[in-house]
C-alpha atoms as a PDB file:
ATOM      1  CA  MET A   1       0.000   0.000   0.000  1.00  0.00           C
ATOM      2  CA  THR A   2       1.324   3.415  -0.997  1.00  0.00           C
ATOM      3  CA  LEU A   3       1.602   6.152   1.589  1.00  0.00           C
ATOM      4  CA  ALA A   4      -0.986   8.953   1.527  1.00  0.00           C
ATOM      5  CA  PRO A   5       0.296  12.320   0.252  1.00  0.00           C
ATOM      6  CA  ARG A   6      -0.258  13.969   3.635  1.00  0.00           C
ATOM      7  CA  ASP A   7       1.852  11.317   5.378  1.00  0.00           C
ATOM      8  CA  LEU A   8       4.511  11.616   2.697  1.00  0.00           C
ATOM      9  CA  ASP A   9       4.667  15.395   3.224  1.00  0.00           C
ATOM     10  CA  ARG A  10       5.064  14.836   6.969  1.00  0.00           C
ATOM     11  CA  LEU A  11       8.024  12.508   6.377  1.00  0.00           C
ATOM     12  CA  ARG A  12       9.612  15.003   4.013  1.00  0.00           C
ATOM     13  CA  TRP A  13       9.289  17.666   6.692  1.00  0.00           C
ATOM     14  CA  GLN A  14      10.880  15.369   9.290  1.00  0.00           C
ATOM     15  CA  SER A  15      13.731  14.805   6.841  1.00  0.00           C
ATOM     16  CA  ARG A  16      14.956  18.358   7.340  1.00  0.00           C
ATOM     17  CA  ARG A  17      17.931  17.893   9.627  1.00  0.00           C
ATOM     18  CA  GLY A  18      20.606  19.933  11.363  1.00  0.00           C
ATOM     19  CA  LEU A  19      23.580  18.409   9.543  1.00  0.00           C
ATOM     20  CA  LEU A  20      24.239  19.612   6.011  1.00  0.00           C
ATOM     21  CA  GLU A  21      25.630  16.231   4.940  1.00  0.00           C
ATOM     22  CA  LEU A  22      22.487  14.478   6.115  1.00  0.00           C
ATOM     23  CA  ASP A  23      20.270  17.081   4.462  1.00  0.00           C
ATOM     24  CA  ILE A  24      22.041  16.452   1.165  1.00  0.00           C
ATOM     25  CA  VAL A  25      21.553  12.682   1.405  1.00  0.00           C
ATOM     26  CA  LEU A  26      17.888  13.041   2.302  1.00  0.00           C
ATOM     27  CA  GLU A  27      17.238  15.652  -0.406  1.00  0.00           C
ATOM     28  CA  ARG A  28      18.737  13.309  -3.005  1.00  0.00           C
ATOM     29  CA  PHE A  29      16.630  10.447  -1.664  1.00  0.00           C
ATOM     30  CA  TRP A  30      13.428  12.482  -1.961  1.00  0.00           C
ATOM     31  CA  ALA A  31      14.373  13.737  -5.425  1.00  0.00           C
ATOM     32  CA  ARG A  32      14.616  10.109  -6.615  1.00  0.00           C
ATOM     33  CA  THR A  33      11.620   8.813  -4.687  1.00  0.00           C
ATOM     34  CA  GLY A  34       8.146   9.327  -6.068  1.00  0.00           C
ATOM     35  CA  ALA A  35       6.108   7.366  -3.549  1.00  0.00           C
ATOM     36  CA  LEU A  36       6.808   5.155  -0.579  1.00  0.00           C
ATOM     37  CA  GLU A  37       5.229   1.931   0.473  1.00  0.00           C
ATOM     38  CA  GLU A  38       3.990   1.913   4.055  1.00  0.00           C
ATOM     39  CA  LYS A  39       6.710  -0.518   5.127  1.00  0.00           C
ATOM     40  CA  ASP A  40       9.438   1.792   3.781  1.00  0.00           C
ATOM     41  CA  ALA A  41       7.750   4.821   5.296  1.00  0.00           C
ATOM     42  CA  ARG A  42       7.653   3.219   8.740  1.00  0.00           C
ATOM     43  CA  ALA A  43      11.323   2.275   8.453  1.00  0.00           C
ATOM     44  CA  LEU A  44      12.245   5.799   7.380  1.00  0.00           C
ATOM     45  CA  GLU A  45      10.205   7.231  10.228  1.00  0.00           C
ATOM     46  CA  ARG A  46      12.132   5.085  12.712  1.00  0.00           C
ATOM     47  CA  LEU A  47      15.432   6.140  11.181  1.00  0.00           C
ATOM     48  CA  LEU A  48      14.435   9.803  11.337  1.00  0.00           C
ATOM     49  CA  ALA A  49      13.793   9.382  15.069  1.00  0.00           C
ATOM     50  CA  MET A  50      17.525   8.805  15.503  1.00  0.00           C
ATOM     51  CA  THR A  51      19.883  11.628  16.363  1.00  0.00           C
ATOM     52  CA  ASP A  52      21.480  13.333  13.385  1.00  0.00           C
ATOM     53  CA  ASN A  53      24.955  11.987  14.133  1.00  0.00           C
ATOM     54  CA  ASP A  54      23.769   8.411  14.614  1.00  0.00           C
ATOM     55  CA  LEU A  55      21.720   8.514  11.413  1.00  0.00           C
ATOM     56  CA  LEU A  56      24.626   9.985   9.462  1.00  0.00           C
ATOM     57  CA  ASP A  57      26.914   7.240  10.780  1.00  0.00           C
ATOM     58  CA  CYS A  58      24.468   4.605   9.515  1.00  0.00           C
ATOM     59  CA  VAL A  59      24.078   6.238   6.120  1.00  0.00           C
ATOM     60  CA  MET A  60      27.832   6.686   5.715  1.00  0.00           C
ATOM     61  CA  GLY A  61      28.507   3.069   6.672  1.00  0.00           C
ATOM     62  CA  ARG A  62      30.332   3.869   9.894  1.00  0.00           C
ATOM     63  CA  ALA A  63      27.641   2.094  11.932  1.00  0.00           C
ATOM     64  CA  GLU A  64      25.072  -0.631  11.381  1.00  0.00           C
ATOM     65  CA  ALA A  65      21.347   0.013  11.307  1.00  0.00           C
ATOM     66  CA  PRO A  66      20.012  -0.179  14.871  1.00  0.00           C
ATOM     67  CA  GLU A  67      17.555  -2.907  13.820  1.00  0.00           C
ATOM     68  CA  ALA A  68      17.915  -5.463  11.039  1.00  0.00           C
ATOM     69  CA  GLN A  69      14.578  -4.550   9.453  1.00  0.00           C
ATOM     70  CA  LEU A  70      15.810  -0.960   8.964  1.00  0.00           C
ATOM     71  CA  ALA A  71      18.848  -2.036   6.934  1.00  0.00           C
ATOM     72  CA  PRO A  72      17.036  -2.016   3.544  1.00  0.00           C
ATOM     73  CA  MET A  73      15.986   1.623   4.061  1.00  0.00           C
ATOM     74  CA  VAL A  74      19.522   2.558   5.092  1.00  0.00           C
ATOM     75  CA  GLU A  75      20.719   0.995   1.819  1.00  0.00           C
ATOM     76  CA  LYS A  76      18.168   3.069  -0.123  1.00  0.00           C
ATOM     77  CA  LEU A  77      19.449   6.221   1.566  1.00  0.00           C
ATOM     78  CA  ARG A  78      23.045   5.243   0.788  1.00  0.00           C
ATOM     79  CA  ALA A  79      22.158   4.719  -2.872  1.00  0.00           C
ATOM     80  CA  ALA A  80      20.710   8.218  -3.185  1.00  0.00           C
END
C-alpha cells in the first residue's frame, strides 16, 4: 500500500535535519523517490527518530542500522 500524500509530506518535513551532509543525502533520496510503500515509510520514520549523528553514521557506513529490518531503508538512503 502506498503512503498517503499527507503522510509523505510529513516525512519530508521530518527529513529536514541539522547536519548539512544528512540534508544532502535526504534531499537526493526524496528527489529520486516518487512514492513510498507503508513498510518503507515506517522504516524511514524510525530512522528519522535517531539523532542526526547516529543517522549519518548509519548512512555513511560507519555504523550498522540499529535494527535489522531498517537495513534495507539505510541501503536506499546510501544509494541516493
